[in-house]
């Protein structure tokens, strides 16, 4: 079976919870489609162990 280049399910935010169809490899349009957002990893600044007090 060849992959459908127009299949939208792999980029949908609801792919793991969708119950509209089991044939996700054939979907090219969907009223419930929301594009999945890539996970952004934020880098937190290390917190200082001791607070310095200015005089």
PDB file of N, CA and C in Angstrom:
ATOM      1  N   UNK A   1       0.847  -1.180   0.000  1.00  0.00           N
ATOM      2  CA  UNK A   1       0.000   0.000   0.000  1.00  0.00           C
ATOM      3  C   UNK A   1       0.891   1.242   0.000  1.00  0.00           C
ATOM      4  N   UNK A   2       0.610   2.195  -0.862  1.00  0.00           N
ATOM      5  CA  UNK A   2       1.403   3.416  -0.913  1.00  0.00           C
ATOM      6  C   UNK A   2       0.797   4.463   0.006  1.00  0.00           C
ATOM      7  N   UNK A   3       1.652   5.324   0.540  1.00  0.00           N
ATOM      8  CA  UNK A   3       1.189   6.364   1.459  1.00  0.00           C
ATOM      9  C   UNK A   3       0.510   7.483   0.678  1.00  0.00           C
ATOM     10  N   UNK A   4      -0.538   8.012   1.245  1.00  0.00           N
ATOM     11  CA  UNK A   4      -1.249   9.125   0.643  1.00  0.00           C
ATOM     12  C   UNK A   4      -0.554  10.417   1.050  1.00  0.00           C
ATOM     13  N   UNK A   5      -0.011  11.195   0.106  1.00  0.00           N
ATOM     14  CA  UNK A   5       0.705  12.412   0.477  1.00  0.00           C
ATOM     15  C   UNK A   5      -0.219  13.503   1.014  1.00  0.00           C
ATOM     16  N   UNK A   6      -1.518  13.337   0.877  1.00  0.00           N
ATOM     17  CA  UNK A   6      -2.464  14.341   1.334  1.00  0.00           C
ATOM     18  C   UNK A   6      -3.152  13.948   2.640  1.00  0.00           C
ATOM     19  N   UNK A   7      -2.686  12.922   3.283  1.00  0.00           N
ATOM     20  CA  UNK A   7      -3.273  12.460   4.531  1.00  0.00           C
ATOM     21  C   UNK A   7      -3.014  13.485   5.635  1.00  0.00           C
ATOM     22  N   UNK A   8      -4.081  13.992   6.272  1.00  0.00           N
ATOM     23  CA  UNK A   8      -3.923  15.022   7.295  1.00  0.00           C
ATOM     24  C   UNK A   8      -3.863  14.471   8.712  1.00  0.00           C
ATOM     25  N   UNK A   9      -4.219  13.232   8.922  1.00  0.00           N
ATOM     26  CA  UNK A   9      -4.275  12.686  10.278  1.00  0.00           C
ATOM     27  C   UNK A   9      -2.943  12.728  11.038  1.00  0.00           C
ATOM     28  N   UNK A  10      -1.810  12.438  10.418  1.00  0.00           N
ATOM     29  CA  UNK A  10      -0.562  12.448  11.186  1.00  0.00           C
ATOM     30  C   UNK A  10      -0.215  13.810  11.792  1.00  0.00           C
ATOM     31  N   UNK A  11      -0.750  14.890  11.238  1.00  0.00           N
ATOM     32  CA  UNK A  11      -0.440  16.218  11.769  1.00  0.00           C
ATOM     33  C   UNK A  11      -1.567  16.781  12.611  1.00  0.00           C
ATOM     34  N   UNK A  12      -2.561  15.976  12.927  1.00  0.00           N
ATOM     35  CA  UNK A  12      -3.719  16.445  13.692  1.00  0.00           C
ATOM     36  C   UNK A  12      -3.478  16.289  15.204  1.00  0.00           C
ATOM     37  N   UNK A  13      -3.917  17.289  15.957  1.00  0.00           N
ATOM     38  CA  UNK A  13      -3.764  17.251  17.412  1.00  0.00           C
ATOM     39  C   UNK A  13      -4.617  16.162  18.055  1.00  0.00           C
ATOM     40  N   UNK A  14      -5.625  15.681  17.363  1.00  0.00           N
ATOM     41  CA  UNK A  14      -6.563  14.713  17.927  1.00  0.00           C
ATOM     42  C   UNK A  14      -6.343  13.286  17.438  1.00  0.00           C
ATOM     43  N   UNK A  15      -5.216  13.008  16.810  1.00  0.00           N
ATOM     44  CA  UNK A  15      -5.003  11.684  16.197  1.00  0.00           C
ATOM     45  C   UNK A  15      -5.143  10.537  17.200  1.00  0.00           C
ATOM     46  N   UNK A  16      -4.740  10.737  18.440  1.00  0.00           N
ATOM     47  CA  UNK A  16      -4.777   9.641  19.414  1.00  0.00           C
ATOM     48  C   UNK A  16      -6.139   9.466  20.070  1.00  0.00           C
ATOM     49  N   UNK A  17      -7.025  10.447  19.919  1.00  0.00           N
ATOM     50  CA  UNK A  17      -8.343  10.354  20.550  1.00  0.00           C
ATOM     51  C   UNK A  17      -9.483  10.381  19.530  1.00  0.00           C
ATOM     52  N   UNK A  18      -9.167  10.492  18.267  1.00  0.00           N
ATOM     53  CA  UNK A  18     -10.177  10.600  17.207  1.00  0.00           C
ATOM     54  C   UNK A  18     -10.974   9.300  17.061  1.00  0.00           C
ATOM     55  N   UNK A  19     -12.301   9.457  16.991  1.00  0.00           N
ATOM     56  CA  UNK A  19     -13.174   8.298  16.797  1.00  0.00           C
ATOM     57  C   UNK A  19     -13.998   8.437  15.515  1.00  0.00           C
ATOM     58  N   UNK A  20     -13.655   9.403  14.675  1.00  0.00           N
ATOM     59  CA  UNK A  20     -14.436   9.642  13.465  1.00  0.00           C
ATOM     60  C   UNK A  20     -14.251   8.537  12.421  1.00  0.00           C
ATOM     61  N   UNK A  21     -13.058   7.972  12.350  1.00  0.00           N
ATOM     62  CA  UNK A  21     -12.809   6.892  11.401  1.00  0.00           C
ATOM     63  C   UNK A  21     -11.629   6.054  11.853  1.00  0.00           C
ATOM     64  N   UNK A  22     -11.625   4.808  11.439  1.00  0.00           N
ATOM     65  CA  UNK A  22     -10.473   3.936  11.693  1.00  0.00           C
ATOM     66  C   UNK A  22      -9.511   3.974  10.513  1.00  0.00           C
ATOM     67  N   UNK A  23      -9.964   4.501   9.364  1.00  0.00           N
ATOM     68  CA  UNK A  23      -9.139   4.544   8.156  1.00  0.00           C
ATOM     69  C   UNK A  23      -8.414   5.886   8.057  1.00  0.00           C
ATOM     70  N   UNK A  24      -7.574   6.166   9.035  1.00  0.00           N
ATOM     71  CA  UNK A  24      -6.895   7.447   9.109  1.00  0.00           C
ATOM     72  C   UNK A  24      -5.909   7.679   7.964  1.00  0.00           C
ATOM     73  N   UNK A  25      -5.496   6.630   7.292  1.00  0.00           N
ATOM     74  CA  UNK A  25      -4.561   6.793   6.170  1.00  0.00           C
ATOM     75  C   UNK A  25      -5.247   7.329   4.918  1.00  0.00           C
ATOM     76  N   UNK A  26      -6.572   7.454   4.934  1.00  0.00           N
ATOM     77  CA  UNK A  26      -7.308   7.899   3.748  1.00  0.00           C
ATOM     78  C   UNK A  26      -8.005   9.246   3.940  1.00  0.00           C
ATOM     79  N   UNK A  27      -7.753   9.930   5.053  1.00  0.00           N
ATOM     80  CA  UNK A  27      -8.449  11.183   5.355  1.00  0.00           C
ATOM     81  C   UNK A  27      -7.705  12.360   4.735  1.00  0.00           C
ATOM     82  N   UNK A  28      -8.403  13.139   3.930  1.00  0.00           N
ATOM     83  CA  UNK A  28      -7.793  14.336   3.342  1.00  0.00           C
ATOM     84  C   UNK A  28      -8.528  15.608   3.742  1.00  0.00           C
ATOM     85  N   UNK A  29      -9.657  15.477   4.438  1.00  0.00           N
ATOM     86  CA  UNK A  29     -10.412  16.620   4.923  1.00  0.00           C
ATOM     87  C   UNK A  29     -11.181  16.197   6.169  1.00  0.00           C
ATOM     88  N   UNK A  30     -11.243  17.113   7.162  1.00  0.00           N
ATOM     89  CA  UNK A  30     -11.941  16.782   8.397  1.00  0.00           C
ATOM     90  C   UNK A  30     -12.383  18.068   9.086  1.00  0.00           C
ATOM     91  N   UNK A  31     -13.624  18.112   9.516  1.00  0.00           N
ATOM     92  CA  UNK A  31     -14.147  19.312  10.169  1.00  0.00           C
ATOM     93  C   UNK A  31     -13.594  19.481  11.586  1.00  0.00           C
ATOM     94  N   UNK A  32     -13.029  18.432  12.151  1.00  0.00           N
ATOM     95  CA  UNK A  32     -12.488  18.485  13.512  1.00  0.00           C
ATOM     96  C   UNK A  32     -10.977  18.662  13.542  1.00  0.00           C
ATOM     97  N   UNK A  33     -10.357  18.877  12.381  1.00  0.00           N
ATOM     98  CA  UNK A  33      -8.899  18.960  12.281  1.00  0.00           C
ATOM     99  C   UNK A  33      -8.346  20.190  12.984  1.00  0.00           C
ATOM    100  N   UNK A  34      -7.359  19.970  13.836  1.00  0.00           N
ATOM    101  CA  UNK A  34      -6.582  21.027  14.469  1.00  0.00           C
ATOM    102  C   UNK A  34      -5.124  20.624  14.325  1.00  0.00           C
ATOM    103  N   UNK A  35      -4.320  21.495  13.748  1.00  0.00           N
ATOM    104  CA  UNK A  35      -2.916  21.157  13.542  1.00  0.00           C
ATOM    105  C   UNK A  35      -2.203  21.035  14.875  1.00  0.00           C
ATOM    106  N   UNK A  36      -1.471  19.949  15.040  1.00  0.00           N
ATOM    107  CA  UNK A  36      -0.720  19.723  16.270  1.00  0.00           C
ATOM    108  C   UNK A  36       0.409  20.734  16.357  1.00  0.00           C
ATOM    109  N   UNK A  37       0.623  21.246  17.554  1.00  0.00           N
ATOM    110  CA  UNK A  37       1.701  22.192  17.788  1.00  0.00           C
ATOM    111  C   UNK A  37       2.926  21.425  18.260  1.00  0.00           C
ATOM    112  N   UNK A  38       4.087  21.756  17.711  1.00  0.00           N
ATOM    113  CA  UNK A  38       5.301  21.069  18.168  1.00  0.00           C
ATOM    114  C   UNK A  38       5.578  21.411  19.623  1.00  0.00           C
ATOM    115  N   UNK A  39       6.147  20.467  20.328  1.00  0.00           N
ATOM    116  CA  UNK A  39       6.468  20.698  21.734  1.00  0.00           C
ATOM    117  C   UNK A  39       7.701  21.590  21.811  1.00  0.00           C
ATOM    118  N   UNK A  40       7.560  22.684  22.535  1.00  0.00           N
ATOM    119  CA  UNK A  40       8.682  23.597  22.726  1.00  0.00           C
ATOM    120  C   UNK A  40       9.272  23.331  24.098  1.00  0.00           C
ATOM    121  N   UNK A  41      10.546  23.057  24.103  1.00  0.00           N
ATOM    122  CA  UNK A  41      11.217  22.858  25.375  1.00  0.00           C
ATOM    123  C   UNK A  41      11.818  24.189  25.798  1.00  0.00           C
ATOM    124  N   UNK A  42      11.419  24.643  26.955  1.00  0.00           N
ATOM    125  CA  UNK A  42      11.964  25.894  27.460  1.00  0.00           C
ATOM    126  C   UNK A  42      13.136  25.587  28.369  1.00  0.00           C
ATOM    127  N   UNK A  43      14.131  26.406  28.239  1.00  0.00           N
ATOM    128  CA  UNK A  43      15.318  26.243  29.067  1.00  0.00           C
ATOM    129  C   UNK A  43      15.173  27.182  30.254  1.00  0.00           C
ATOM    130  N   UNK A  44      15.094  26.596  31.422  1.00  0.00           N
ATOM    131  CA  UNK A  44      14.952  27.401  32.624  1.00  0.00           C
ATOM    132  C   UNK A  44      16.318  27.848  33.103  1.00  0.00           C
ATOM    133  N   UNK A  45      16.393  29.100  33.528  1.00  0.00           N
ATOM    134  CA  UNK A  45      17.636  29.612  34.088  1.00  0.00           C
ATOM    135  C   UNK A  45      17.816  29.006  35.476  1.00  0.00           C
ATOM    136  N   UNK A  46      19.028  28.621  35.789  1.00  0.00           N
ATOM    137  CA  UNK A  46      19.243  28.062  37.130  1.00  0.00           C
ATOM    138  C   UNK A  46      19.005  29.136  38.187  1.00  0.00           C
ATOM    139  N   UNK A  47      18.349  28.733  39.256  1.00  0.00           N
ATOM    140  CA  UNK A  47      18.063  29.665  40.337  1.00  0.00           C
ATOM    141  C   UNK A  47      19.268  29.711  41.270  1.00  0.00           C
ATOM    142  N   UNK A  48      19.633  30.914  41.680  1.00  0.00           N
ATOM    143  CA  UNK A  48      20.778  31.000  42.598  1.00  0.00           C
ATOM    144  C   UNK A  48      20.438  30.345  43.934  1.00  0.00           C
ATOM    145  N   UNK A  49      21.440  29.693  44.505  1.00  0.00           N
ATOM    146  CA  UNK A  49      21.219  29.012  45.773  1.00  0.00           C
ATOM    147  C   UNK A  49      21.074  30.006  46.919  1.00  0.00           C
ATOM    148  N   UNK A  50      21.781  31.125  46.839  1.00  0.00           N
ATOM    149  CA  UNK A  50      21.742  32.122  47.907  1.00  0.00           C
ATOM    150  C   UNK A  50      21.383  33.464  47.294  1.00  0.00           C
ATOM    151  N   UNK A  51      20.509  34.171  47.935  1.00  0.00           N
ATOM    152  CA  UNK A  51      20.163  35.517  47.505  1.00  0.00           C
ATOM    153  C   UNK A  51      21.127  36.503  48.191  1.00  0.00           C
ATOM    154  N   UNK A  52      21.695  37.379  47.388  1.00  0.00           N
ATOM    155  CA  UNK A  52      22.583  38.408  47.937  1.00  0.00           C
ATOM    156  C   UNK A  52      21.758  39.654  48.223  1.00  0.00           C
ATOM    157  N   UNK A  53      22.030  40.258  49.350  1.00  0.00           N
ATOM    158  CA  UNK A  53      21.297  41.448  49.735  1.00  0.00           C
ATOM    159  C   UNK A  53      22.201  42.658  49.556  1.00  0.00           C
ATOM    160  N   UNK A  54      21.714  43.647  48.814  1.00  0.00           N
ATOM    161  CA  UNK A  54      22.509  44.848  48.609  1.00  0.00           C
ATOM    162  C   UNK A  54      22.322  45.801  49.778  1.00  0.00           C
ATOM    163  N   UNK A  55      23.426  46.426  50.243  1.00  0.00           N
ATOM    164  CA  UNK A  55      23.351  47.346  51.385  1.00  0.00           C
ATOM    165  C   UNK A  55      23.335  48.779  50.913  1.00  0.00           C
TER     166      UNK A  55
END
